[in-house]
Amino acid sequence: MAQAKMNNKVKVHYSGTLSDGTVFDSSLEREPLEFTIGKGMVIPGFENGIIGMNEGESRKVSITSDDAYGPFRDDLVGVIDKSRMPGDIDLEIGMVLQMRSPEGSTTNVTITDISEENVTIDLNHPLAGKDLVFEIKLVEVLQA
């Protein structure tokens, strides 16, 4: 039976929850997640939790925010004039939009507040600052 090691390509099923038990993602209703350990394709704590697992083994992995999506950063929350928002969109709190930086790159932002004149946007990842728990099953080691 193969054991997961650094640089292996693996397939896993997982269910991710917040510390209060709220499920935020799961692969159980779709194909297993396939990635190469050590290539930065998934968050560090998830990768590290798989190393040493044997095919068919399941494991519960607790990941602090530092090894997941990092701490919540107040400097990534800003207020912009509502007139700068596209006029053809009905803005709603919780809505995720793509915005272009002055350098030309795009990033997702979440609307967290709307007033008559302003819109508050949050550039943090939705899971920033949150500790995560994953139930992981190593389905297959594809490449050693």
N, C-alpha and C. Protein backbone atom coordinates (compact mmCIF):
# COMPACT_ATOMS: atom_id res chain seq x y z
N MET A 1 0.84 -1.17 0.00
CA MET A 1 0.00 0.00 0.00
C MET A 1 0.89 1.24 0.00
N ALA A 2 0.62 2.18 -0.90
CA ALA A 2 1.46 3.36 -1.05
C ALA A 2 1.18 4.38 0.06
N GLN A 3 2.24 5.06 0.46
CA GLN A 3 2.15 6.10 1.48
C GLN A 3 2.45 7.45 0.84
N ALA A 4 1.70 8.49 1.20
CA ALA A 4 1.87 9.82 0.62
C ALA A 4 3.14 10.48 1.13
N LYS A 5 3.94 10.96 0.17
CA LYS A 5 5.20 11.64 0.48
C LYS A 5 5.28 12.92 -0.34
N MET A 6 6.22 13.77 0.01
CA MET A 6 6.46 15.00 -0.72
C MET A 6 6.66 14.69 -2.20
N ASN A 7 6.08 15.51 -3.07
CA ASN A 7 6.14 15.43 -4.53
C ASN A 7 5.29 14.32 -5.13
N ASN A 8 4.53 13.56 -4.31
CA ASN A 8 3.58 12.58 -4.84
C ASN A 8 2.36 13.31 -5.38
N LYS A 9 1.81 12.77 -6.48
CA LYS A 9 0.49 13.20 -6.93
C LYS A 9 -0.50 12.29 -6.24
N VAL A 10 -1.53 12.91 -5.60
CA VAL A 10 -2.49 12.15 -4.82
C VAL A 10 -3.92 12.53 -5.17
N LYS A 11 -4.85 11.65 -4.82
CA LYS A 11 -6.28 11.93 -4.89
C LYS A 11 -6.84 11.77 -3.49
N VAL A 12 -7.61 12.77 -3.04
CA VAL A 12 -8.20 12.72 -1.71
C VAL A 12 -9.66 13.15 -1.76
N HIS A 13 -10.44 12.61 -0.86
CA HIS A 13 -11.77 13.13 -0.57
C HIS A 13 -11.64 13.86 0.74
N TYR A 14 -12.41 14.93 0.89
CA TYR A 14 -12.33 15.72 2.11
C TYR A 14 -13.65 16.40 2.41
N SER A 15 -13.79 16.75 3.66
CA SER A 15 -14.89 17.61 4.10
C SER A 15 -14.26 18.64 5.04
N GLY A 16 -14.45 19.92 4.72
CA GLY A 16 -13.85 20.98 5.51
C GLY A 16 -14.90 21.70 6.33
N THR A 17 -14.61 21.88 7.62
CA THR A 17 -15.54 22.57 8.52
C THR A 17 -14.80 23.66 9.29
N LEU A 18 -15.59 24.62 9.75
CA LEU A 18 -15.08 25.62 10.68
C LEU A 18 -15.08 25.00 12.07
N SER A 19 -14.48 25.68 13.04
CA SER A 19 -14.40 25.12 14.39
C SER A 19 -15.78 24.91 15.02
N ASP A 20 -16.81 25.62 14.52
CA ASP A 20 -18.16 25.42 15.06
C ASP A 20 -18.92 24.30 14.35
N GLY A 21 -18.27 23.61 13.40
CA GLY A 21 -18.88 22.49 12.70
C GLY A 21 -19.54 22.85 11.37
N THR A 22 -19.58 24.14 11.03
CA THR A 22 -20.17 24.56 9.76
C THR A 22 -19.32 24.06 8.59
N VAL A 23 -19.94 23.32 7.66
CA VAL A 23 -19.23 22.81 6.49
C VAL A 23 -19.06 23.94 5.49
N PHE A 24 -17.81 24.19 5.04
CA PHE A 24 -17.57 25.22 4.03
C PHE A 24 -17.20 24.64 2.68
N ASP A 25 -16.79 23.37 2.64
CA ASP A 25 -16.46 22.73 1.37
C ASP A 25 -16.36 21.23 1.58
N SER A 26 -16.67 20.48 0.51
CA SER A 26 -16.58 19.03 0.57
C SER A 26 -16.46 18.48 -0.85
N SER A 27 -15.67 17.44 -0.98
CA SER A 27 -15.52 16.78 -2.28
C SER A 27 -16.38 15.52 -2.36
N LEU A 28 -17.13 15.22 -1.31
CA LEU A 28 -17.82 13.94 -1.22
C LEU A 28 -18.87 13.73 -2.31
N GLU A 29 -19.42 14.78 -2.86
CA GLU A 29 -20.44 14.66 -3.92
C GLU A 29 -19.86 14.87 -5.31
N ARG A 30 -18.54 14.88 -5.42
CA ARG A 30 -17.89 15.07 -6.72
C ARG A 30 -16.62 14.21 -6.77
N GLU A 31 -15.86 14.39 -7.82
CA GLU A 31 -14.61 13.63 -7.97
C GLU A 31 -13.63 14.02 -6.86
N PRO A 32 -12.73 13.10 -6.47
CA PRO A 32 -11.72 13.44 -5.47
C PRO A 32 -10.82 14.58 -5.97
N LEU A 33 -10.29 15.32 -5.04
CA LEU A 33 -9.32 16.38 -5.34
C LEU A 33 -7.99 15.72 -5.69
N GLU A 34 -7.40 16.15 -6.80
CA GLU A 34 -6.11 15.61 -7.25
C GLU A 34 -5.10 16.75 -7.24
N PHE A 35 -3.95 16.53 -6.60
CA PHE A 35 -2.90 17.55 -6.57
C PHE A 35 -1.56 16.89 -6.24
N THR A 36 -0.49 17.65 -6.40
CA THR A 36 0.85 17.18 -6.09
C THR A 36 1.32 17.81 -4.79
N ILE A 37 1.68 16.99 -3.83
CA ILE A 37 2.15 17.47 -2.53
C ILE A 37 3.45 18.25 -2.72
N GLY A 38 3.50 19.44 -2.14
CA GLY A 38 4.71 20.25 -2.19
C GLY A 38 4.72 21.29 -3.29
N LYS A 39 3.70 21.33 -4.12
CA LYS A 39 3.65 22.28 -5.23
C LYS A 39 2.83 23.53 -4.90
N GLY A 40 2.30 23.62 -3.68
CA GLY A 40 1.54 24.79 -3.27
C GLY A 40 0.16 24.88 -3.92
N MET A 41 -0.39 23.75 -4.33
CA MET A 41 -1.70 23.74 -5.00
C MET A 41 -2.85 23.81 -3.99
N VAL A 42 -2.59 23.48 -2.74
CA VAL A 42 -3.57 23.55 -1.66
C VAL A 42 -2.90 24.25 -0.47
N ILE A 43 -3.68 24.60 0.54
CA ILE A 43 -3.11 25.30 1.69
C ILE A 43 -2.09 24.40 2.41
N PRO A 44 -1.07 25.01 3.02
CA PRO A 44 0.01 24.23 3.63
C PRO A 44 -0.45 23.21 4.66
N GLY A 45 -1.37 23.58 5.53
CA GLY A 45 -1.81 22.64 6.57
C GLY A 45 -2.50 21.42 6.00
N PHE A 46 -3.19 21.57 4.87
CA PHE A 46 -3.85 20.45 4.21
C PHE A 46 -2.80 19.50 3.65
N GLU A 47 -1.82 20.06 2.95
CA GLU A 47 -0.72 19.24 2.40
C GLU A 47 -0.01 18.46 3.51
N ASN A 48 0.37 19.19 4.56
CA ASN A 48 1.12 18.56 5.65
C ASN A 48 0.32 17.45 6.33
N GLY A 49 -1.01 17.61 6.37
CA GLY A 49 -1.85 16.60 6.99
C GLY A 49 -1.91 15.29 6.22
N ILE A 50 -1.61 15.34 4.94
CA ILE A 50 -1.68 14.15 4.08
C ILE A 50 -0.37 13.36 4.09
N ILE A 51 0.74 14.05 4.29
CA ILE A 51 2.04 13.38 4.28
C ILE A 51 2.06 12.28 5.33
N GLY A 52 2.44 11.09 4.92
CA GLY A 52 2.52 9.94 5.82
C GLY A 52 1.26 9.08 5.84
N MET A 53 0.19 9.55 5.20
CA MET A 53 -1.03 8.73 5.15
C MET A 53 -0.85 7.59 4.15
N ASN A 54 -1.52 6.48 4.42
CA ASN A 54 -1.53 5.35 3.50
C ASN A 54 -2.81 5.38 2.67
N GLU A 55 -2.77 4.84 1.46
CA GLU A 55 -3.98 4.75 0.63
C GLU A 55 -5.10 4.10 1.44
N GLY A 56 -6.29 4.69 1.35
CA GLY A 56 -7.45 4.18 2.06
C GLY A 56 -7.58 4.71 3.48
N GLU A 57 -6.54 5.33 4.01
CA GLU A 57 -6.56 5.85 5.38
C GLU A 57 -7.35 7.16 5.44
N SER A 58 -8.03 7.37 6.56
CA SER A 58 -8.74 8.63 6.83
C SER A 58 -8.10 9.29 8.04
N ARG A 59 -8.16 10.61 8.05
CA ARG A 59 -7.53 11.36 9.13
C ARG A 59 -8.28 12.68 9.33
N LYS A 60 -8.37 13.10 10.57
CA LYS A 60 -8.93 14.41 10.90
C LYS A 60 -7.75 15.36 11.13
N VAL A 61 -7.75 16.49 10.42
CA VAL A 61 -6.64 17.43 10.50
C VAL A 61 -7.17 18.80 10.91
N SER A 62 -6.64 19.34 12.00
CA SER A 62 -6.98 20.69 12.44
C SER A 62 -5.89 21.64 11.95
N ILE A 63 -6.31 22.73 11.32
CA ILE A 63 -5.37 23.66 10.70
C ILE A 63 -5.63 25.07 11.24
N THR A 64 -4.61 25.69 11.82
CA THR A 64 -4.76 27.06 12.29
C THR A 64 -4.82 28.00 11.09
N SER A 65 -5.35 29.18 11.30
CA SER A 65 -5.48 30.15 10.21
C SER A 65 -4.13 30.46 9.57
N ASP A 66 -3.04 30.43 10.35
CA ASP A 66 -1.72 30.71 9.79
C ASP A 66 -1.30 29.69 8.74
N ASP A 67 -1.74 28.43 8.88
CA ASP A 67 -1.42 27.39 7.91
C ASP A 67 -2.55 27.17 6.91
N ALA A 68 -3.55 28.07 6.95
CA ALA A 68 -4.67 27.98 6.02
C ALA A 68 -4.64 29.22 5.12
N TYR A 69 -5.52 30.18 5.38
CA TYR A 69 -5.62 31.37 4.53
C TYR A 69 -5.07 32.61 5.21
N GLY A 70 -4.34 32.42 6.31
CA GLY A 70 -3.70 33.54 7.00
C GLY A 70 -4.66 34.29 7.90
N PRO A 71 -4.11 35.26 8.63
CA PRO A 71 -4.94 36.05 9.54
C PRO A 71 -5.83 37.02 8.76
N PHE A 72 -6.91 37.43 9.39
CA PHE A 72 -7.75 38.48 8.81
C PHE A 72 -6.98 39.78 8.92
N ARG A 73 -6.90 40.51 7.80
CA ARG A 73 -6.14 41.77 7.77
C ARG A 73 -7.08 42.95 7.57
N ASP A 74 -7.11 43.83 8.56
CA ASP A 74 -7.95 45.03 8.48
C ASP A 74 -7.54 45.94 7.33
N ASP A 75 -6.25 45.91 6.97
CA ASP A 75 -5.78 46.78 5.88
C ASP A 75 -6.29 46.34 4.51
N LEU A 76 -6.95 45.18 4.43
CA LEU A 76 -7.53 44.72 3.17
C LEU A 76 -9.02 45.02 3.08
N VAL A 77 -9.52 45.82 4.03
CA VAL A 77 -10.92 46.27 4.01
C VAL A 77 -10.90 47.75 3.70
N GLY A 78 -11.70 48.17 2.73
CA GLY A 78 -11.70 49.58 2.34
C GLY A 78 -13.08 50.05 1.94
N VAL A 79 -13.22 51.36 1.91
CA VAL A 79 -14.48 51.99 1.51
C VAL A 79 -14.23 52.73 0.21
N ILE A 80 -15.11 52.49 -0.78
CA ILE A 80 -14.99 53.20 -2.04
C ILE A 80 -16.31 53.90 -2.35
N ASP A 81 -16.21 54.92 -3.15
CA ASP A 81 -17.39 55.68 -3.55
C ASP A 81 -18.28 54.79 -4.41
N LYS A 82 -19.55 54.79 -4.10
CA LYS A 82 -20.52 53.95 -4.81
C LYS A 82 -20.54 54.24 -6.31
N SER A 83 -20.22 55.47 -6.69
CA SER A 83 -20.23 55.84 -8.11
C SER A 83 -19.15 55.11 -8.90
N ARG A 84 -18.15 54.53 -8.21
CA ARG A 84 -17.09 53.77 -8.89
C ARG A 84 -17.51 52.33 -9.20
N MET A 85 -18.66 51.92 -8.67
CA MET A 85 -19.15 50.57 -8.89
C MET A 85 -19.94 50.53 -10.20
N PRO A 86 -19.93 49.37 -10.89
CA PRO A 86 -20.70 49.26 -12.13
C PRO A 86 -22.18 49.55 -11.88
N GLY A 87 -22.77 50.39 -12.71
CA GLY A 87 -24.16 50.79 -12.52
C GLY A 87 -25.18 49.72 -12.86
N ASP A 88 -24.76 48.69 -13.59
CA ASP A 88 -25.70 47.66 -14.02
C ASP A 88 -25.81 46.50 -13.04
N ILE A 89 -25.22 46.63 -11.86
CA ILE A 89 -25.24 45.56 -10.86
C ILE A 89 -26.04 46.03 -9.65
N ASP A 90 -26.98 45.19 -9.20
CA ASP A 90 -27.70 45.45 -7.96
C ASP A 90 -26.83 44.96 -6.81
N LEU A 91 -26.16 45.88 -6.13
CA LEU A 91 -25.22 45.54 -5.08
C LEU A 91 -25.94 44.95 -3.87
N GLU A 92 -25.34 43.91 -3.29
CA GLU A 92 -25.88 43.27 -2.10
C GLU A 92 -24.73 42.92 -1.16
N ILE A 93 -24.99 43.02 0.14
CA ILE A 93 -23.99 42.60 1.12
C ILE A 93 -23.75 41.10 0.95
N GLY A 94 -22.48 40.71 0.93
CA GLY A 94 -22.09 39.31 0.74
C GLY A 94 -21.75 38.99 -0.71
N MET A 95 -22.11 39.89 -1.63
CA MET A 95 -21.83 39.68 -3.05
C MET A 95 -20.32 39.68 -3.28
N VAL A 96 -19.84 38.78 -4.12
CA VAL A 96 -18.43 38.72 -4.49
C VAL A 96 -18.28 39.25 -5.91
N LEU A 97 -17.38 40.21 -6.06
CA LEU A 97 -17.11 40.82 -7.36
C LEU A 97 -15.63 40.68 -7.68
N GLN A 98 -15.31 40.78 -8.96
CA GLN A 98 -13.91 40.84 -9.37
C GLN A 98 -13.57 42.29 -9.65
N MET A 99 -12.43 42.73 -9.10
CA MET A 99 -11.97 44.08 -9.34
C MET A 99 -10.58 44.02 -9.93
N ARG A 100 -10.27 45.02 -10.75
CA ARG A 100 -8.95 45.10 -11.39
C ARG A 100 -8.10 46.12 -10.65
N SER A 101 -6.88 45.73 -10.32
CA SER A 101 -5.94 46.63 -9.64
C SER A 101 -5.35 47.60 -10.67
N PRO A 102 -4.73 48.67 -10.21
CA PRO A 102 -4.08 49.59 -11.14
C PRO A 102 -3.00 48.90 -12.00
N GLU A 103 -2.44 47.80 -11.48
CA GLU A 103 -1.41 47.06 -12.23
C GLU A 103 -2.02 46.12 -13.27
N GLY A 104 -3.35 45.95 -13.22
CA GLY A 104 -4.02 45.11 -14.21
C GLY A 104 -4.43 43.73 -13.74
N SER A 105 -4.03 43.33 -12.53
CA SER A 105 -4.42 42.01 -12.04
C SER A 105 -5.84 42.08 -11.48
N THR A 106 -6.53 40.93 -11.47
CA THR A 106 -7.88 40.90 -10.91
C THR A 106 -7.87 40.17 -9.58
N THR A 107 -8.78 40.56 -8.72
CA THR A 107 -8.92 39.93 -7.41
C THR A 107 -10.39 39.92 -7.02
N ASN A 108 -10.76 38.94 -6.23
CA ASN A 108 -12.13 38.87 -5.73
C ASN A 108 -12.27 39.74 -4.49
N VAL A 109 -13.38 40.48 -4.40
CA VAL A 109 -13.69 41.28 -3.23
C VAL A 109 -15.11 40.95 -2.79
N THR A 110 -15.35 41.03 -1.50
CA THR A 110 -16.67 40.78 -0.94
C THR A 110 -17.23 42.10 -0.43
N ILE A 111 -18.47 42.39 -0.79
CA ILE A 111 -19.13 43.58 -0.29
C ILE A 111 -19.62 43.29 1.13
N THR A 112 -19.18 44.13 2.09
CA THR A 112 -19.55 43.89 3.48
C THR A 112 -20.49 44.95 4.04
N ASP A 113 -20.62 46.10 3.34
CA ASP A 113 -21.55 47.13 3.78
C ASP A 113 -21.86 48.05 2.60
N ILE A 114 -23.07 48.59 2.60
CA ILE A 114 -23.50 49.50 1.55
C ILE A 114 -24.24 50.66 2.21
N SER A 115 -23.84 51.88 1.86
CA SER A 115 -24.56 53.06 2.33
C SER A 115 -25.04 53.83 1.11
N GLU A 116 -25.64 54.99 1.32
CA GLU A 116 -26.12 55.80 0.20
C GLU A 116 -24.99 56.18 -0.74
N GLU A 117 -23.81 56.47 -0.17
CA GLU A 117 -22.70 57.00 -0.97
C GLU A 117 -21.52 56.05 -1.13
N ASN A 118 -21.38 55.08 -0.23
CA ASN A 118 -20.18 54.25 -0.20
C ASN A 118 -20.48 52.75 -0.18
N VAL A 119 -19.46 51.99 -0.57
CA VAL A 119 -19.50 50.53 -0.52
C VAL A 119 -18.23 50.08 0.21
N THR A 120 -18.39 49.24 1.22
CA THR A 120 -17.24 48.68 1.93
C THR A 120 -16.92 47.34 1.29
N ILE A 121 -15.64 47.18 0.90
CA ILE A 121 -15.20 45.94 0.26
C ILE A 121 -14.09 45.30 1.09
N ASP A 122 -14.05 43.97 1.03
CA ASP A 122 -13.09 43.18 1.80
C ASP A 122 -12.32 42.30 0.82
N LEU A 123 -11.00 42.50 0.77
CA LEU A 123 -10.15 41.71 -0.11
C LEU A 123 -9.61 40.46 0.56
N ASN A 124 -9.90 40.25 1.85
CA ASN A 124 -9.46 39.03 2.54
C ASN A 124 -10.14 37.82 1.92
N HIS A 125 -9.46 36.68 1.94
CA HIS A 125 -10.10 35.42 1.57
C HIS A 125 -11.24 35.20 2.55
N PRO A 126 -12.38 34.66 2.11
CA PRO A 126 -13.50 34.44 3.03
C PRO A 126 -13.16 33.60 4.26
N LEU A 127 -12.12 32.77 4.18
CA LEU A 127 -11.74 31.93 5.32
C LEU A 127 -10.53 32.48 6.08
N ALA A 128 -10.09 33.70 5.75
CA ALA A 128 -8.96 34.31 6.47
C ALA A 128 -9.32 34.48 7.94
N GLY A 129 -8.37 34.17 8.80
CA GLY A 129 -8.57 34.33 10.23
C GLY A 129 -9.33 33.19 10.88
N LYS A 130 -9.67 32.18 10.12
CA LYS A 130 -10.46 31.06 10.66
C LYS A 130 -9.60 29.79 10.75
N ASP A 131 -9.77 29.09 11.87
CA ASP A 131 -9.16 27.77 12.01
C ASP A 131 -10.07 26.77 11.33
N LEU A 132 -9.49 25.81 10.64
CA LEU A 132 -10.24 24.86 9.82
C LEU A 132 -10.01 23.43 10.30
N VAL A 133 -11.01 22.58 10.08
CA VAL A 133 -10.89 21.16 10.38
C VAL A 133 -11.27 20.39 9.12
N PHE A 134 -10.42 19.46 8.71
CA PHE A 134 -10.68 18.64 7.54
C PHE A 134 -10.74 17.17 7.93
N GLU A 135 -11.75 16.48 7.43
CA GLU A 135 -11.79 15.02 7.45
C GLU A 135 -11.28 14.62 6.07
N ILE A 136 -10.14 13.94 6.03
CA ILE A 136 -9.48 13.62 4.76
C ILE A 136 -9.35 12.12 4.60
N LYS A 137 -9.65 11.61 3.40
CA LYS A 137 -9.40 10.22 3.07
C LYS A 137 -8.47 10.20 1.86
N LEU A 138 -7.33 9.53 2.01
CA LEU A 138 -6.40 9.38 0.89
C LEU A 138 -6.91 8.26 0.01
N VAL A 139 -7.44 8.65 -1.14
CA VAL A 139 -8.04 7.69 -2.07
C VAL A 139 -6.95 6.94 -2.83
N GLU A 140 -5.94 7.67 -3.31
CA GLU A 140 -4.94 7.04 -4.16
C GLU A 140 -3.67 7.88 -4.22
N VAL A 141 -2.52 7.19 -4.23
CA VAL A 141 -1.24 7.83 -4.54
C VAL A 141 -0.98 7.49 -6.00
N LEU A 142 -0.99 8.51 -6.86
CA LEU A 142 -0.90 8.27 -8.31
C LEU A 142 0.54 8.17 -8.80
N GLN A 143 1.42 8.91 -8.16
CA GLN A 143 2.79 8.97 -8.66
C GLN A 143 3.73 9.11 -7.47
N ALA A 144 4.67 8.20 -7.40
CA ALA A 144 5.64 8.25 -6.29
C ALA A 144 6.88 8.99 -6.70
